[in-house]
Amino acid sequence: MRQDRPAAIMAADLYNDIGETASDGWRDRMPGLTIVALGTLAAGFLSDRYGAPLTLMALLLGLALNFLSEDARLTPGLVFAARSLLRWGIVLVGLRVTAGQVVALGPVALLCVAGIVALTIGAGVVASRRLGFDAAFGTLAGGAVAICGASAAMALAATLGPKRSGEAQLTLVLVGISAMSATAMLVYPAIAHVLALSDLRAGFLLGASIHDVAQALGAGYAYSPGAGQIAAIVKLTRVALLAPVLAIVTLFLPRDGGGAARAGMPWFVVGFFVMAGINSLGVVPPIAATLAEKTAAVLLAAAVTATAIRTPLAKLVEGGPRPLIVILIATVAAFLLSLAAAMLVIG
């Protein structure tokens, strides 16, 4: 049975912006969750057998199972895995982070993150206008790259309104973001290894440049545990910048009608920093910390598997190359700015 829902549901949905299916009970979720569980278990076996990163194996297996996204019966479970499991995995990642690590990142690094977000959005706007699109499309594409992928795109589209940001443009941005974020997860850690970056610099690079949260964290932990912790802090700092970015977009590109966009700090970001605060107190038993670490790894791998299965790869060729070029330019800008900051400022 072919899935009727639009392609805008393919990436990890952090803010609950991407609609649920009509049936969302556990019975409806079980088929999709079973596929995700089997894919994640297979990824775990390959990871243990060959020493490859778990999240990388999860991504590759999810892409290999991408044809299953045609079956609408799997959608509730895939949505739940890509959304809820990702959120709880991020919360548990907080138990691997301490306040000392956040402080060690320093105000300069935090300012660099804000600057990278602003300049990436600017690059998207400039590229959009040069290629014949308007500033709204550039803001949509650049903001999705700069902040948190699909969730940022959905929130920005709601802010801009349907006249400034139509469904076709939004779908194309989401597909492009998904493909480029998956590519970044594979390529960026390899570049960091070639450059022999420290855990601090590699974590900053990966957290500041990869689009999707699950893939940013996956790339960080694929590089090293230390880099993964830094990537989590940097990436979630980018996520937290969505609310002020939406406020600025509302000021300079007013919505063309109908409703108000939701903004605010998502609960999983709050949960991440709460867990980090608890861990900083030294009250978490080692066995509990180890269990949380393993659970977080499994949840993130499951979210990556579900996200890869749901990616509508066939739609990448629709709409011509120019919209994708805008996303590519913003992606390259984010990477180069992040690399420059990591090499010249961080550490």
Protein backbone atom coordinates (compact mmCIF):
# COMPACT_ATOMS: atom_id res chain seq x y z
CA MET A 1 0.00 0.00 0.00
CA ARG A 2 1.46 3.32 -1.04
CA GLN A 3 1.79 6.11 1.49
CA ASP A 4 -0.35 9.19 0.76
CA ARG A 5 1.24 11.62 3.19
CA PRO A 6 3.50 14.39 1.88
CA ALA A 7 7.26 14.04 1.84
CA ALA A 8 7.53 16.70 4.53
CA ILE A 9 7.47 14.01 7.23
CA MET A 10 10.76 12.33 6.53
CA ALA A 11 13.14 13.84 9.06
CA ALA A 12 13.36 13.75 12.82
CA ASP A 13 10.57 16.03 14.10
CA LEU A 14 11.74 17.67 17.31
CA TYR A 15 9.01 20.27 17.79
CA ASN A 16 5.93 18.19 16.98
CA ASP A 17 5.34 20.39 13.93
CA ILE A 18 5.06 17.49 11.49
CA GLY A 19 1.61 15.96 11.76
CA GLU A 20 0.88 12.60 13.34
CA THR A 21 -1.15 9.98 11.54
CA ALA A 22 -4.82 9.66 12.41
CA SER A 23 -4.11 6.44 14.33
CA ASP A 24 -1.36 6.75 16.89
CA GLY A 25 -2.05 3.93 19.33
CA TRP A 26 0.59 1.36 20.24
CA ARG A 27 -1.05 -1.25 18.02
CA ASP A 28 -0.66 1.09 15.06
CA ARG A 29 2.94 1.86 15.98
CA MET A 30 4.08 -1.74 16.36
CA PRO A 31 4.73 -2.55 12.66
CA GLY A 32 6.99 0.48 12.19
CA LEU A 33 8.67 0.05 15.57
CA THR A 34 9.33 -3.62 14.77
CA ILE A 35 11.13 -2.65 11.57
CA VAL A 36 13.11 0.01 13.44
CA ALA A 37 14.01 -2.44 16.20
CA LEU A 38 15.20 -5.08 13.73
CA GLY A 39 17.22 -2.51 11.79
CA THR A 40 18.79 -1.17 14.98
CA LEU A 41 19.63 -4.67 16.22
CA ALA A 42 21.25 -5.45 12.87
CA ALA A 43 23.20 -2.20 13.09
CA GLY A 44 24.34 -3.15 16.59
CA PHE A 45 25.53 -6.55 15.35
CA LEU A 46 27.49 -5.00 12.49
CA SER A 47 28.92 -2.37 14.81
CA ASP A 48 30.14 -5.00 17.30
CA ARG A 49 31.36 -7.35 14.59
CA TYR A 50 33.34 -4.84 12.54
CA GLY A 51 34.01 -2.04 15.03
CA ALA A 52 32.05 0.52 12.99
CA PRO A 53 30.07 3.34 14.64
CA LEU A 54 26.57 2.23 15.65
CA THR A 55 24.85 5.32 14.27
CA LEU A 56 26.64 4.98 10.94
CA MET A 57 25.46 1.39 10.58
CA ALA A 58 21.96 2.47 11.58
CA LEU A 59 21.98 5.15 8.88
CA LEU A 60 23.17 2.79 6.15
CA LEU A 61 20.69 0.07 7.09
CA GLY A 62 17.88 2.61 7.28
CA LEU A 63 18.69 3.83 3.79
CA ALA A 64 18.78 0.23 2.57
CA LEU A 65 15.26 -0.21 4.00
CA ASN A 66 14.04 3.06 2.49
CA PHE A 67 11.65 1.22 0.13
CA LEU A 68 9.54 0.34 3.19
CA SER A 69 8.49 3.99 3.52
CA GLU A 70 5.97 3.26 0.74
CA ASP A 71 3.89 1.25 3.22
CA ALA A 72 1.62 3.60 5.19
CA ARG A 73 1.10 0.95 7.88
CA LEU A 74 4.65 1.59 9.08
CA THR A 75 4.26 5.37 9.34
CA PRO A 76 3.00 5.67 12.97
CA GLY A 77 5.90 3.62 14.31
CA LEU A 78 8.49 5.35 12.15
CA VAL A 79 7.18 8.77 13.20
CA PHE A 80 7.28 7.75 16.87
CA ALA A 81 10.85 6.45 16.57
CA ALA A 82 12.13 9.49 14.68
CA ARG A 83 10.42 11.88 17.09
CA SER A 84 9.91 10.55 20.60
CA LEU A 85 12.87 8.15 20.78
CA LEU A 86 15.15 10.91 19.52
CA ARG A 87 13.93 13.32 22.18
CA TRP A 88 14.41 10.88 25.04
CA GLY A 89 17.78 9.87 23.70
CA ILE A 90 18.87 13.50 23.77
CA VAL A 91 17.66 13.87 27.36
CA LEU A 92 19.73 10.85 28.41
CA VAL A 93 22.77 12.22 26.57
CA GLY A 94 22.69 14.96 29.21
CA LEU A 95 23.95 12.42 31.76
CA ARG A 96 27.22 12.29 29.80
CA VAL A 97 27.73 16.05 30.09
CA THR A 98 28.73 18.21 33.04
CA ALA A 99 28.49 21.92 33.72
CA GLY A 100 32.28 22.01 33.61
CA GLN A 101 32.22 20.94 29.98
CA VAL A 102 29.69 23.64 29.11
CA VAL A 103 31.79 26.27 30.88
CA ALA A 104 34.89 24.91 29.15
CA LEU A 105 33.21 25.54 25.81
CA GLY A 106 33.38 29.21 26.74
CA PRO A 107 31.47 32.35 25.76
CA VAL A 108 33.61 32.77 22.64
CA ALA A 109 32.43 29.41 21.30
CA LEU A 110 28.83 30.28 22.08
CA LEU A 111 29.20 33.58 20.24
CA CYS A 112 30.73 31.67 17.32
CA VAL A 113 27.66 29.42 17.19
CA ALA A 114 25.34 32.43 17.05
CA GLY A 115 27.48 34.01 14.34
CA ILE A 116 27.53 30.81 12.27
CA VAL A 117 23.73 30.57 12.45
CA ALA A 118 23.29 34.19 11.34
CA LEU A 119 25.81 34.00 8.50
CA THR A 120 24.43 30.69 7.24
CA ILE A 121 20.94 32.13 7.00
CA GLY A 122 22.44 35.15 5.24
CA ALA A 123 24.20 32.87 2.75
CA GLY A 124 20.90 31.14 2.02
CA VAL A 125 19.15 34.47 1.37
CA VAL A 126 21.93 35.74 -0.93
CA ALA A 127 22.09 32.45 -2.86
CA SER A 128 18.31 32.38 -3.17
CA ARG A 129 18.16 35.85 -4.71
CA ARG A 130 21.06 35.15 -7.06
CA LEU A 131 19.29 32.05 -8.35
CA GLY A 132 15.97 33.79 -8.91
CA PHE A 133 14.10 32.98 -5.71
CA ASP A 134 12.90 35.38 -3.03
CA ALA A 135 14.28 36.11 0.43
CA ALA A 136 11.61 33.95 2.06
CA PHE A 137 12.88 30.80 0.33
CA GLY A 138 16.46 31.71 1.24
CA THR A 139 15.41 32.19 4.86
CA LEU A 140 13.62 28.83 4.82
CA ALA A 141 16.56 26.96 3.32
CA GLY A 142 19.27 28.82 5.24
CA GLY A 143 17.40 28.57 8.53
CA ALA A 144 16.85 24.84 8.14
CA VAL A 145 20.57 24.34 7.54
CA ALA A 146 21.63 26.73 10.30
CA ILE A 147 19.44 25.51 13.15
CA CYS A 148 17.96 22.01 13.23
CA GLY A 149 16.94 20.79 9.82
CA ALA A 150 13.33 19.75 9.25
CA SER A 151 11.98 21.10 12.53
CA ALA A 152 13.40 24.56 11.85
CA ALA A 153 12.04 24.43 8.29
CA MET A 154 8.56 23.58 9.54
CA ALA A 155 8.63 26.34 12.16
CA LEU A 156 9.96 28.88 9.65
CA ALA A 157 7.35 27.87 7.08
CA ALA A 158 4.63 28.39 9.67
CA THR A 159 6.08 31.82 10.42
CA LEU A 160 6.38 32.85 6.77
CA GLY A 161 2.94 31.54 5.80
CA PRO A 162 1.76 29.55 2.75
CA LYS A 163 2.05 32.42 0.26
CA ARG A 164 5.71 33.06 1.04
CA SER A 165 6.57 29.40 1.59
CA GLY A 166 4.43 26.94 -0.35
CA GLU A 167 4.19 23.22 0.32
CA ALA A 168 6.29 22.37 -2.74
CA GLN A 169 9.15 24.60 -1.58
CA LEU A 170 8.93 23.25 1.95
CA THR A 171 8.95 19.65 0.76
CA LEU A 172 11.98 20.26 -1.43
CA VAL A 173 13.85 21.93 1.43
CA LEU A 174 13.06 19.03 3.74
CA VAL A 175 14.20 16.44 1.21
CA GLY A 176 17.40 18.37 0.45
CA ILE A 177 18.11 18.89 4.15
CA SER A 178 17.66 15.19 4.85
CA ALA A 179 20.00 14.12 2.05
CA MET A 180 22.70 16.67 2.84
CA SER A 181 22.56 16.03 6.57
CA ALA A 182 22.98 12.29 5.95
CA THR A 183 25.92 13.03 3.65
CA ALA A 184 27.44 15.37 6.24
CA MET A 185 27.18 12.67 8.89
CA LEU A 186 29.30 10.40 6.71
CA VAL A 187 31.78 12.93 5.33
CA TYR A 188 32.43 15.48 8.09
CA PRO A 189 33.90 13.05 10.67
CA ALA A 190 36.26 11.74 7.97
CA ILE A 191 37.40 15.30 7.25
CA ALA A 192 37.93 15.89 10.96
CA HIS A 193 40.09 12.74 11.13
CA VAL A 194 42.15 13.85 8.13
CA LEU A 195 42.75 17.19 9.81
CA ALA A 196 43.57 15.39 13.11
CA LEU A 197 41.24 17.66 15.06
CA SER A 198 41.07 17.36 18.83
CA ASP A 199 37.84 16.13 20.42
CA LEU A 200 36.94 19.72 21.32
CA ARG A 201 37.48 21.07 17.82
CA ALA A 202 35.90 18.08 16.08
CA GLY A 203 32.87 18.19 18.37
CA PHE A 204 32.42 21.89 17.71
CA LEU A 205 32.75 21.40 13.94
CA LEU A 206 30.23 18.56 13.83
CA GLY A 207 27.77 20.15 16.24
CA ALA A 208 27.90 23.53 14.51
CA SER A 209 27.58 22.34 10.91
CA ILE A 210 25.43 19.19 10.60
CA HIS A 211 21.75 19.91 10.02
CA ASP A 212 19.75 17.23 11.85
CA VAL A 213 20.13 16.66 15.60
CA ALA A 214 20.31 12.87 15.46
CA GLN A 215 22.92 12.95 12.72
CA ALA A 216 24.97 15.68 14.41
CA LEU A 217 25.13 13.62 17.59
CA GLY A 218 25.73 10.45 15.61
CA ALA A 219 28.67 12.01 13.80
CA GLY A 220 30.10 13.35 17.06
CA TYR A 221 30.00 10.01 18.85
CA ALA A 222 31.28 8.26 15.73
CA TYR A 223 34.38 10.47 16.02
CA SER A 224 34.86 9.91 19.76
CA PRO A 225 32.85 10.03 23.01
CA GLY A 226 34.45 13.36 23.91
CA ALA A 227 33.62 14.87 20.54
CA GLY A 228 30.08 13.57 20.87
CA GLN A 229 29.58 15.39 24.15
CA ILE A 230 30.82 18.67 22.69
CA ALA A 231 28.72 18.15 19.55
CA ALA A 232 25.63 17.65 21.72
CA ILE A 233 26.20 20.93 23.57
CA VAL A 234 26.89 22.90 20.40
CA LYS A 235 24.02 21.36 18.43
CA LEU A 236 21.46 21.93 21.18
CA THR A 237 22.68 25.51 21.48
CA ARG A 238 21.77 25.89 17.80
CA VAL A 239 18.36 24.34 18.47
CA ALA A 240 17.76 26.82 21.30
CA LEU A 241 18.37 29.68 18.85
CA LEU A 242 15.22 28.80 16.89
CA ALA A 243 12.96 30.99 19.04
CA PRO A 244 14.96 34.23 18.58
CA VAL A 245 15.41 33.46 14.86
CA LEU A 246 11.63 33.10 14.47
CA ALA A 247 11.17 36.42 16.27
CA ILE A 248 13.62 38.14 13.89
CA VAL A 249 12.00 36.55 10.83
CA THR A 250 8.58 37.73 12.04
CA LEU A 251 9.95 41.26 12.35
CA PHE A 252 11.60 41.47 8.92
CA LEU A 253 9.45 39.05 6.91
CA PRO A 254 5.96 39.31 8.42
CA ARG A 255 3.66 36.34 8.02
CA ASP A 256 1.27 36.75 5.08
CA GLY A 257 -1.77 35.63 7.00
CA GLY A 258 -3.34 33.02 9.18
CA GLY A 259 -2.34 32.05 12.67
CA ALA A 260 0.79 32.46 14.71
CA ALA A 261 3.82 30.26 14.75
CA ARG A 262 4.80 28.39 17.86
CA ALA A 263 8.15 29.09 19.41
CA GLY A 264 9.86 28.44 22.68
CA MET A 265 12.39 26.18 24.31
CA PRO A 266 11.53 22.53 23.59
CA TRP A 267 11.26 20.23 26.60
CA PHE A 268 13.99 17.87 25.44
CA VAL A 269 16.54 20.71 25.39
CA VAL A 270 15.50 21.64 28.93
CA GLY A 271 15.72 17.97 29.90
CA PHE A 272 19.20 17.70 28.41
CA PHE A 273 20.53 20.55 30.52
CA VAL A 274 18.67 19.33 33.64
CA MET A 275 20.34 15.92 33.27
CA ALA A 276 23.69 17.63 32.74
CA GLY A 277 23.11 19.63 35.92
CA ILE A 278 22.31 16.50 37.89
CA ASN A 279 25.39 14.77 36.50
CA SER A 280 27.52 17.78 37.48
CA LEU A 281 26.56 17.23 41.13
CA GLY A 282 28.25 13.81 41.11
CA VAL A 283 25.18 12.04 42.50
CA VAL A 284 24.59 9.68 39.58
CA PRO A 285 25.88 6.15 40.37
CA PRO A 286 28.34 4.78 37.80
CA ILE A 287 26.06 1.86 36.96
CA ALA A 288 23.17 4.26 36.27
CA ALA A 289 25.39 6.49 34.14
CA THR A 290 26.55 3.48 32.11
CA LEU A 291 22.98 2.26 31.62
CA ALA A 292 21.87 5.74 30.54
CA GLU A 293 24.76 5.96 28.08
CA LYS A 294 23.89 2.64 26.46
CA THR A 295 20.18 3.46 26.38
CA ALA A 296 20.85 6.85 24.77
CA ALA A 297 23.02 5.20 22.11
CA VAL A 298 20.25 2.72 21.28
CA LEU A 299 17.54 5.41 21.16
CA LEU A 300 19.61 7.66 18.91
CA ALA A 301 20.45 4.75 16.62
CA ALA A 302 16.76 3.85 16.40
CA ALA A 303 15.90 7.47 15.55
CA VAL A 304 18.56 7.53 12.83
CA THR A 305 17.23 4.24 11.41
CA ALA A 306 13.67 5.56 11.30
CA THR A 307 14.77 8.88 9.79
CA ALA A 308 16.71 7.12 7.03
CA ILE A 309 13.79 4.79 6.23
CA ARG A 310 11.41 7.75 5.90
CA THR A 311 13.65 9.86 3.63
CA PRO A 312 11.92 10.22 0.21
CA LEU A 313 15.00 9.73 -1.93
CA ALA A 314 13.08 9.66 -5.21
CA LYS A 315 11.90 13.24 -4.75
CA LEU A 316 15.39 14.66 -4.78
CA VAL A 317 15.26 15.07 -8.56
CA GLU A 318 11.96 16.94 -8.56
CA GLY A 319 11.88 20.72 -8.93
CA GLY A 320 15.17 21.00 -10.78
CA PRO A 321 18.61 21.67 -9.32
CA ARG A 322 18.36 25.36 -8.43
CA PRO A 323 16.49 25.02 -5.09
CA LEU A 324 18.92 22.30 -4.03
CA ILE A 325 21.83 24.57 -4.97
CA VAL A 326 20.56 27.13 -2.46
CA ILE A 327 20.55 24.46 0.25
CA LEU A 328 23.98 23.26 -0.85
CA ILE A 329 25.45 26.77 -0.69
CA ALA A 330 24.07 27.26 2.83
CA THR A 331 25.42 23.83 3.80
CA VAL A 332 28.91 24.62 2.49
CA ALA A 333 28.82 28.02 4.21
CA ALA A 334 27.90 26.40 7.54
CA PHE A 335 30.70 23.86 7.20
CA LEU A 336 33.38 26.37 6.22
CA LEU A 337 32.37 28.82 8.97
CA SER A 338 32.31 26.01 11.55
CA LEU A 339 35.68 24.69 10.40
CA ALA A 340 37.21 28.17 10.49
CA ALA A 341 35.89 28.74 14.01
CA ALA A 342 37.11 25.30 15.16
CA MET A 343 40.59 25.83 13.75
CA LEU A 344 41.11 29.51 14.62
CA VAL A 345 39.05 30.17 17.74
CA ILE A 346 38.16 26.93 19.55
CA GLY A 347 40.74 25.25 21.76
